[in-house]
Amino acid sequence: MPILTLKFKNNVIADYRLEKGKSMTIGRRGSNDVVIENLAVSGHHAKIDSVGDGFVLTDLQSKNGCFVNEQLVTSHWLKHGDVINIGKHTLVFTFQQGEARPKEAAGQMDKTMVMDTTKYRDMMARSAPEMAPTQTKKEEPRGVLAYLSGGDGELELEKKLIKIGKDSSSDIVVHGLGIGQTAGTVSRRPNGYYLSYVGGMSKLKVNGEVVKESVKLKEFDVIELGSVKMQFFTKE
């Protein structure tokens, strides 16, 4: 039976064996067969079904979509070596050495189901210019902090300066021994969002590293202070 290899930045996380006659679900929630703990991944993002001698990947109307070999897909008959991108993770579909592989006839379905978004939009614009979207000023992505622990929900970074600390007036209040009244700040600058250490015995951390002065936040960075853990990301 074929293998699905989950990777993050070329590091192998786990291998999953696909079985004939069974389905495999992929998503952020723990009820999935393949769990990807990342906010870019929907709770139930995609599934792989055993159909005849082949396997079909189906996007479950996820927020950020599924890509196979860098093409956006709604449904795709998987072939040996296909690379699936879900959020920041990749899943590589491979048959084991010597294993019988299904005929490529099923691949004809890909021609109607696989969409290259750039080509698709260009063709739409050429065939119906009056329906092409008008150019509008693109809004700058807005930063968001989502609680992973020590709190609930999300905080959109609407203000230019967000305060983190023990003081009750802070935008993000963190209790605990050694937490400064204002332990740190998140500020919006022309080139992005920056996390800065202000004071307190308990240090701010980003991805496990202590913030000594100031650091520019990147997509899905994890911020920790005391019992609070948050993940940073941007959205339109």
C-alpha atoms as a PDB file:
ATOM      1  CA  MET A   1       0.000   0.000   0.000  1.00  0.00           C
ATOM      2  CA  PRO A   2       1.211   3.573  -0.721  1.00  0.00           C
ATOM      3  CA  ILE A   3       2.754   5.829   1.925  1.00  0.00           C
ATOM      4  CA  LEU A   4       1.892   9.441   2.788  1.00  0.00           C
ATOM      5  CA  THR A   5       4.905  11.241   4.282  1.00  0.00           C
ATOM      6  CA  LEU A   6       4.212  14.403   6.308  1.00  0.00           C
ATOM      7  CA  LYS A   7       7.041  16.968   6.211  1.00  0.00           C
ATOM      8  CA  PHE A   8       7.723  20.444   7.541  1.00  0.00           C
ATOM      9  CA  LYS A   9      10.637  22.372   6.037  1.00  0.00           C
ATOM     10  CA  ASN A  10      12.108  19.126   4.625  1.00  0.00           C
ATOM     11  CA  ASN A  11      11.971  17.475   8.050  1.00  0.00           C
ATOM     12  CA  VAL A  12       9.975  14.238   8.095  1.00  0.00           C
ATOM     13  CA  ILE A  13       7.336  14.280  10.844  1.00  0.00           C
ATOM     14  CA  ALA A  14       5.539  10.990  10.235  1.00  0.00           C
ATOM     15  CA  ASP A  15       4.639   8.315   7.668  1.00  0.00           C
ATOM     16  CA  TYR A  16       1.063   7.128   7.149  1.00  0.00           C
ATOM     17  CA  ARG A  17       0.096   3.956   5.291  1.00  0.00           C
ATOM     18  CA  LEU A  18      -2.947   4.236   3.046  1.00  0.00           C
ATOM     19  CA  GLU A  19      -5.195   1.180   2.944  1.00  0.00           C
ATOM     20  CA  LYS A  20      -7.369  -0.057   0.114  1.00  0.00           C
ATOM     21  CA  GLY A  21     -11.064   0.423   0.806  1.00  0.00           C
ATOM     22  CA  LYS A  22     -10.481   3.041   3.517  1.00  0.00           C
ATOM     23  CA  SER A  23     -10.380   6.836   3.735  1.00  0.00           C
ATOM     24  CA  MET A  24      -7.823   9.081   5.446  1.00  0.00           C
ATOM     25  CA  THR A  25      -8.750  12.543   6.767  1.00  0.00           C
ATOM     26  CA  ILE A  26      -6.331  15.472   7.116  1.00  0.00           C
ATOM     27  CA  GLY A  27      -6.807  18.557   9.297  1.00  0.00           C
ATOM     28  CA  ARG A  28      -6.031  20.511  12.449  1.00  0.00           C
ATOM     29  CA  ARG A  29      -8.499  18.733  14.761  1.00  0.00           C
ATOM     30  CA  GLY A  30      -7.404  15.704  16.730  1.00  0.00           C
ATOM     31  CA  SER A  31     -10.157  13.552  15.243  1.00  0.00           C
ATOM     32  CA  ASN A  32      -8.320  13.409  11.887  1.00  0.00           C
ATOM     33  CA  ASP A  33      -6.105  10.530  10.792  1.00  0.00           C
ATOM     34  CA  VAL A  34      -3.362  13.021   9.880  1.00  0.00           C
ATOM     35  CA  VAL A  35      -3.275  15.917  12.351  1.00  0.00           C
ATOM     36  CA  ILE A  36      -1.444  19.108  11.328  1.00  0.00           C
ATOM     37  CA  GLU A  37      -1.326  21.549  14.235  1.00  0.00           C
ATOM     38  CA  ASN A  38      -1.141  24.831  12.357  1.00  0.00           C
ATOM     39  CA  LEU A  39      -3.606  27.718  12.139  1.00  0.00           C
ATOM     40  CA  ALA A  40      -3.318  27.769   8.334  1.00  0.00           C
ATOM     41  CA  VAL A  41      -4.927  24.315   8.276  1.00  0.00           C
ATOM     42  CA  SER A  42      -8.710  23.957   8.566  1.00  0.00           C
ATOM     43  CA  GLY A  43     -10.248  21.694  11.202  1.00  0.00           C
ATOM     44  CA  HIS A  44     -11.194  19.179   8.495  1.00  0.00           C
ATOM     45  CA  HIS A  45      -9.041  20.265   5.557  1.00  0.00           C
ATOM     46  CA  ALA A  46      -8.935  17.349   3.092  1.00  0.00           C
ATOM     47  CA  LYS A  47      -9.378  13.605   2.697  1.00  0.00           C
ATOM     48  CA  ILE A  48      -7.929  10.795   0.619  1.00  0.00           C
ATOM     49  CA  ASP A  49     -10.313   8.070  -0.540  1.00  0.00           C
ATOM     50  CA  SER A  50      -9.486   4.632  -1.886  1.00  0.00           C
ATOM     51  CA  VAL A  51     -11.386   4.325  -5.189  1.00  0.00           C
ATOM     52  CA  GLY A  52     -10.889   1.150  -7.222  1.00  0.00           C
ATOM     53  CA  ASP A  53      -7.154   0.677  -7.618  1.00  0.00           C
ATOM     54  CA  GLY A  54      -6.342   4.359  -7.037  1.00  0.00           C
ATOM     55  CA  PHE A  55      -6.493   7.082  -4.410  1.00  0.00           C
ATOM     56  CA  VAL A  56      -8.256  10.446  -4.738  1.00  0.00           C
ATOM     57  CA  LEU A  57      -7.427  13.605  -2.767  1.00  0.00           C
ATOM     58  CA  THR A  58     -10.444  15.868  -2.116  1.00  0.00           C
ATOM     59  CA  ASP A  59     -10.384  19.363  -0.627  1.00  0.00           C
ATOM     60  CA  LEU A  60     -13.108  19.731   2.042  1.00  0.00           C
ATOM     61  CA  GLN A  61     -13.846  23.384   1.233  1.00  0.00           C
ATOM     62  CA  SER A  62     -10.858  24.428   3.323  1.00  0.00           C
ATOM     63  CA  LYS A  63     -10.079  28.087   3.891  1.00  0.00           C
ATOM     64  CA  ASN A  64      -6.611  28.027   2.304  1.00  0.00           C
ATOM     65  CA  GLY A  65      -7.074  25.217  -0.210  1.00  0.00           C
ATOM     66  CA  CYS A  66      -5.000  22.209  -1.264  1.00  0.00           C
ATOM     67  CA  PHE A  67      -2.158  22.288  -3.772  1.00  0.00           C
ATOM     68  CA  VAL A  68      -0.711  19.317  -5.645  1.00  0.00           C
ATOM     69  CA  ASN A  69       2.604  19.960  -7.395  1.00  0.00           C
ATOM     70  CA  GLU A  70       1.964  23.704  -6.864  1.00  0.00           C
ATOM     71  CA  GLN A  71      -1.474  23.643  -8.521  1.00  0.00           C
ATOM     72  CA  LEU A  72      -4.702  24.413  -6.684  1.00  0.00           C
ATOM     73  CA  VAL A  73      -7.010  21.386  -6.721  1.00  0.00           C
ATOM     74  CA  THR A  74     -10.515  20.517  -5.634  1.00  0.00           C
ATOM     75  CA  SER A  75     -10.033  16.818  -6.406  1.00  0.00           C
ATOM     76  CA  HIS A  76      -7.021  14.935  -7.730  1.00  0.00           C
ATOM     77  CA  TRP A  77      -6.123  11.322  -8.554  1.00  0.00           C
ATOM     78  CA  LEU A  78      -2.821  10.812  -6.757  1.00  0.00           C
ATOM     79  CA  LYS A  79       0.210   9.552  -8.636  1.00  0.00           C
ATOM     80  CA  HIS A  80       3.583   8.341  -7.378  1.00  0.00           C
ATOM     81  CA  GLY A  81       5.690  11.305  -6.235  1.00  0.00           C
ATOM     82  CA  ASP A  82       2.859  13.831  -5.994  1.00  0.00           C
ATOM     83  CA  VAL A  83       3.612  16.611  -3.489  1.00  0.00           C
ATOM     84  CA  ILE A  84       0.590  17.938  -1.587  1.00  0.00           C
ATOM     85  CA  ASN A  85       0.865  21.360   0.094  1.00  0.00           C
ATOM     86  CA  ILE A  86      -1.474  22.076   3.015  1.00  0.00           C
ATOM     87  CA  GLY A  87      -0.620  25.258   4.880  1.00  0.00           C
ATOM     88  CA  LYS A  88       3.128  25.265   5.555  1.00  0.00           C
ATOM     89  CA  HIS A  89       3.333  21.454   5.508  1.00  0.00           C
ATOM     90  CA  THR A  90       3.861  19.026   2.648  1.00  0.00           C
ATOM     91  CA  LEU A  91       2.600  15.487   2.174  1.00  0.00           C
ATOM     92  CA  VAL A  92       4.410  13.246  -0.325  1.00  0.00           C
ATOM     93  CA  PHE A  93       2.451  10.376  -1.889  1.00  0.00           C
ATOM     94  CA  THR A  94       4.589   7.385  -2.907  1.00  0.00           C
ATOM     95  CA  PHE A  95       4.085   3.752  -3.796  1.00  0.00           C
ATOM     96  CA  GLN A  96       6.468   1.298  -2.186  1.00  0.00           C
ATOM     97  CA  GLN A  97       9.191  -0.344  -4.260  1.00  0.00           C
ATOM     98  CA  GLY A  98       7.836  -3.198  -6.359  1.00  0.00           C
ATOM     99  CA  GLU A  99       4.224  -2.321  -5.566  1.00  0.00           C
ATOM    100  CA  ALA A 100       1.703  -2.476  -8.420  1.00  0.00           C
ATOM    101  CA  ARG A 101       0.496   0.964  -9.460  1.00  0.00           C
ATOM    102  CA  PRO A 102      -2.894   1.833 -10.998  1.00  0.00           C
ATOM    103  CA  LYS A 103      -3.095   2.696 -14.674  1.00  0.00           C
ATOM    104  CA  GLU A 104      -2.803   6.383 -15.567  1.00  0.00           C
ATOM    105  CA  ALA A 105      -6.228   6.429 -17.242  1.00  0.00           C
ATOM    106  CA  ALA A 106      -7.794   7.895 -14.118  1.00  0.00           C
ATOM    107  CA  GLY A 107      -5.442  10.839 -14.519  1.00  0.00           C
ATOM    108  CA  GLN A 108      -7.633  12.165 -17.342  1.00  0.00           C
ATOM    109  CA  MET A 109      -9.954  13.440 -14.624  1.00  0.00           C
ATOM    110  CA  ASP A 110      -7.209  15.792 -13.447  1.00  0.00           C
ATOM    111  CA  LYS A 111      -7.499  17.841 -16.637  1.00  0.00           C
ATOM    112  CA  THR A 112     -10.925  19.114 -15.602  1.00  0.00           C
ATOM    113  CA  MET A 113     -10.402  19.221 -11.847  1.00  0.00           C
ATOM    114  CA  VAL A 114      -6.930  20.782 -11.440  1.00  0.00           C
ATOM    115  CA  MET A 115      -6.827  24.571 -11.664  1.00  0.00           C
ATOM    116  CA  ASP A 116      -3.760  26.747 -12.135  1.00  0.00           C
ATOM    117  CA  THR A 117      -5.140  29.927 -10.598  1.00  0.00           C
ATOM    118  CA  THR A 118      -3.020  32.363 -12.650  1.00  0.00           C
ATOM    119  CA  LYS A 119      -3.891  30.753 -15.998  1.00  0.00           C
ATOM    120  CA  TYR A 120      -7.529  30.428 -14.943  1.00  0.00           C
ATOM    121  CA  ARG A 121      -7.845  34.119 -14.167  1.00  0.00           C
ATOM    122  CA  ASP A 122      -6.048  35.108 -17.384  1.00  0.00           C
ATOM    123  CA  MET A 123      -8.407  32.972 -19.476  1.00  0.00           C
ATOM    124  CA  MET A 124     -11.442  34.403 -17.696  1.00  0.00           C
ATOM    125  CA  ALA A 125     -10.210  37.936 -18.351  1.00  0.00           C
ATOM    126  CA  ARG A 126      -9.617  37.241 -22.067  1.00  0.00           C
ATOM    127  CA  SER A 127     -12.928  35.490 -22.647  1.00  0.00           C
ATOM    128  CA  ALA A 128     -15.062  37.969 -20.688  1.00  0.00           C
ATOM    129  CA  PRO A 129     -13.180  41.262 -20.200  1.00  0.00           C
ATOM    130  CA  GLU A 130     -16.263  42.961 -18.816  1.00  0.00           C
ATOM    131  CA  MET A 131     -16.313  40.418 -15.981  1.00  0.00           C
ATOM    132  CA  ALA A 132     -12.650  40.791 -15.076  1.00  0.00           C
ATOM    133  CA  PRO A 133     -12.172  42.175 -11.552  1.00  0.00           C
ATOM    134  CA  THR A 134     -11.353  45.858 -11.365  1.00  0.00           C
ATOM    135  CA  GLN A 135      -8.060  46.888  -9.861  1.00  0.00           C
ATOM    136  CA  THR A 136      -8.475  48.164  -6.342  1.00  0.00           C
ATOM    137  CA  LYS A 137      -5.980  49.241  -3.773  1.00  0.00           C
ATOM    138  CA  LYS A 138      -4.810  46.200  -1.901  1.00  0.00           C
ATOM    139  CA  GLU A 139      -5.211  46.439   1.836  1.00  0.00           C
ATOM    140  CA  GLU A 140      -2.200  45.722   3.978  1.00  0.00           C
ATOM    141  CA  PRO A 141      -2.397  42.366   5.773  1.00  0.00           C
ATOM    142  CA  ARG A 142      -3.449  42.744   9.411  1.00  0.00           C
ATOM    143  CA  GLY A 143      -1.639  40.916  12.175  1.00  0.00           C
ATOM    144  CA  VAL A 144      -3.485  38.533  14.484  1.00  0.00           C
ATOM    145  CA  LEU A 145      -2.477  36.828  17.722  1.00  0.00           C
ATOM    146  CA  ALA A 146      -4.331  33.580  18.415  1.00  0.00           C
ATOM    147  CA  TYR A 147      -4.205  31.948  21.849  1.00  0.00           C
ATOM    148  CA  LEU A 148      -2.740  28.457  21.911  1.00  0.00           C
ATOM    149  CA  SER A 149      -2.869  28.294  25.724  1.00  0.00           C
ATOM    150  CA  GLY A 150      -3.550  30.632  28.652  1.00  0.00           C
ATOM    151  CA  GLY A 151      -6.479  32.301  26.915  1.00  0.00           C
ATOM    152  CA  ASP A 152      -9.176  31.974  24.283  1.00  0.00           C
ATOM    153  CA  GLY A 153      -9.838  33.400  20.846  1.00  0.00           C
ATOM    154  CA  GLU A 154      -7.904  35.810  18.679  1.00  0.00           C
ATOM    155  CA  LEU A 155      -6.751  39.417  18.982  1.00  0.00           C
ATOM    156  CA  GLU A 156      -6.545  41.478  15.799  1.00  0.00           C
ATOM    157  CA  LEU A 157      -3.672  43.941  16.013  1.00  0.00           C
ATOM    158  CA  GLU A 158      -5.682  47.031  15.054  1.00  0.00           C
ATOM    159  CA  LYS A 159      -3.657  49.471  17.160  1.00  0.00           C
ATOM    160  CA  LYS A 160      -0.132  50.545  16.290  1.00  0.00           C
ATOM    161  CA  LEU A 161       1.082  49.427  19.708  1.00  0.00           C
ATOM    162  CA  ILE A 162      -0.155  46.419  21.701  1.00  0.00           C
ATOM    163  CA  LYS A 163       0.947  46.073  25.328  1.00  0.00           C
ATOM    164  CA  ILE A 164       1.581  42.699  26.977  1.00  0.00           C
ATOM    165  CA  GLY A 165       1.992  42.431  30.752  1.00  0.00           C
ATOM    166  CA  LYS A 166       0.565  42.136  34.236  1.00  0.00           C
ATOM    167  CA  ASP A 167      -1.010  45.609  34.300  1.00  0.00           C
ATOM    168  CA  SER A 168      -4.787  45.384  33.964  1.00  0.00           C
ATOM    169  CA  SER A 169      -4.715  48.055  31.251  1.00  0.00           C
ATOM    170  CA  SER A 170      -2.589  45.858  28.988  1.00  0.00           C
ATOM    171  CA  ASP A 171      -4.120  44.621  25.753  1.00  0.00           C
ATOM    172  CA  ILE A 172      -2.925  41.126  26.646  1.00  0.00           C
ATOM    173  CA  VAL A 173      -2.940  40.550  30.403  1.00  0.00           C
ATOM    174  CA  VAL A 174      -0.563  37.854  31.685  1.00  0.00           C
ATOM    175  CA  HIS A 175      -0.515  36.885  35.356  1.00  0.00           C
ATOM    176  CA  GLY A 176       2.293  35.155  37.189  1.00  0.00           C
ATOM    177  CA  LEU A 177       5.485  35.538  39.189  1.00  0.00           C
ATOM    178  CA  GLY A 178       8.101  37.659  37.468  1.00  0.00           C
ATOM    179  CA  ILE A 179       5.769  39.084  34.811  1.00  0.00           C
ATOM    180  CA  GLY A 180       6.438  42.798  34.288  1.00  0.00           C
ATOM    181  CA  GLN A 181       3.676  45.389  34.462  1.00  0.00           C
ATOM    182  CA  THR A 182       4.490  45.888  30.791  1.00  0.00           C
ATOM    183  CA  ALA A 183       6.563  42.892  29.782  1.00  0.00           C
ATOM    184  CA  GLY A 184       6.606  43.637  26.073  1.00  0.00           C
ATOM    185  CA  THR A 185       4.923  45.271  23.112  1.00  0.00           C
ATOM    186  CA  VAL A 186       3.900  44.402  19.571  1.00  0.00           C
ATOM    187  CA  SER A 187       4.268  47.401  17.274  1.00  0.00           C
ATOM    188  CA  ARG A 188       3.270  47.824  13.661  1.00  0.00           C
ATOM    189  CA  ARG A 189       5.956  49.333  11.458  1.00  0.00           C
ATOM    190  CA  PRO A 190       6.017  50.013   7.693  1.00  0.00           C
ATOM    191  CA  ASN A 191       7.780  46.701   7.042  1.00  0.00           C
ATOM    192  CA  GLY A 192       5.854  44.477   9.457  1.00  0.00           C
ATOM    193  CA  TYR A 193       5.128  43.678  13.103  1.00  0.00           C
ATOM    194  CA  TYR A 194       7.803  43.712  15.807  1.00  0.00           C
ATOM    195  CA  LEU A 195       7.796  42.150  19.266  1.00  0.00           C
ATOM    196  CA  SER A 196       9.896  44.038  21.821  1.00  0.00           C
ATOM    197  CA  TYR A 197      10.941  43.170  25.381  1.00  0.00           C
ATOM    198  CA  VAL A 198      10.236  45.908  27.934  1.00  0.00           C
ATOM    199  CA  GLY A 199      10.761  44.534  31.442  1.00  0.00           C
ATOM    200  CA  GLY A 200      10.182  41.860  34.071  1.00  0.00           C
ATOM    201  CA  MET A 201      12.005  38.768  35.310  1.00  0.00           C
ATOM    202  CA  SER A 202       9.969  36.481  33.079  1.00  0.00           C
ATOM    203  CA  LYS A 203      11.249  36.809  29.522  1.00  0.00           C
ATOM    204  CA  LEU A 204       9.334  36.890  26.277  1.00  0.00           C
ATOM    205  CA  LYS A 205      10.137  34.058  23.886  1.00  0.00           C
ATOM    206  CA  VAL A 206       9.579  33.544  20.166  1.00  0.00           C
ATOM    207  CA  ASN A 207       9.775  29.940  18.987  1.00  0.00           C
ATOM    208  CA  GLY A 208      11.539  29.076  22.239  1.00  0.00           C
ATOM    209  CA  GLU A 209      14.203  31.806  21.907  1.00  0.00           C
ATOM    210  CA  VAL A 210      14.405  34.689  24.419  1.00  0.00           C
ATOM    211  CA  VAL A 211      13.672  38.129  22.950  1.00  0.00           C
ATOM    212  CA  LYS A 212      16.465  40.364  24.206  1.00  0.00           C
ATOM    213  CA  GLU A 213      15.427  43.592  22.498  1.00  0.00           C
ATOM    214  CA  SER A 214      13.201  43.476  19.414  1.00  0.00           C
ATOM    215  CA  VAL A 215      12.394  40.873  16.747  1.00  0.00           C
ATOM    216  CA  LYS A 216      10.353  41.009  13.548  1.00  0.00           C
ATOM    217  CA  LEU A 217       7.464  38.543  13.649  1.00  0.00           C
ATOM    218  CA  LYS A 218       7.073  36.005  10.867  1.00  0.00           C
ATOM    219  CA  GLU A 219       4.036  33.959   9.846  1.00  0.00           C
ATOM    220  CA  PHE A 220       3.071  31.401  12.506  1.00  0.00           C
ATOM    221  CA  ASP A 221       5.734  32.458  15.030  1.00  0.00           C
ATOM    222  CA  VAL A 222       4.834  31.227  18.539  1.00  0.00           C
ATOM    223  CA  ILE A 223       5.106  33.808  21.330  1.00  0.00           C
ATOM    224  CA  GLU A 224       5.381  32.717  24.980  1.00  0.00           C
ATOM    225  CA  LEU A 225       5.204  34.646  28.246  1.00  0.00           C
ATOM    226  CA  GLY A 226       4.488  32.861  31.515  1.00  0.00           C
ATOM    227  CA  SER A 227       1.505  30.555  31.022  1.00  0.00           C
ATOM    228  CA  VAL A 228       0.365  32.328  27.841  1.00  0.00           C
ATOM    229  CA  LYS A 229       1.250  30.990  24.407  1.00  0.00           C
ATOM    230  CA  MET A 230       0.080  32.698  21.209  1.00  0.00           C
ATOM    231  CA  GLN A 231       0.638  32.278  17.494  1.00  0.00           C
ATOM    232  CA  PHE A 232       1.137  35.207  15.140  1.00  0.00           C
ATOM    233  CA  PHE A 233      -0.242  35.275  11.611  1.00  0.00           C
ATOM    234  CA  THR A 234      -1.583  37.807   9.125  1.00  0.00           C
ATOM    235  CA  LYS A 235      -4.825  37.951   7.181  1.00  0.00           C
ATOM    236  CA  GLU A 236      -6.242  40.193   4.480  1.00  0.00           C
END
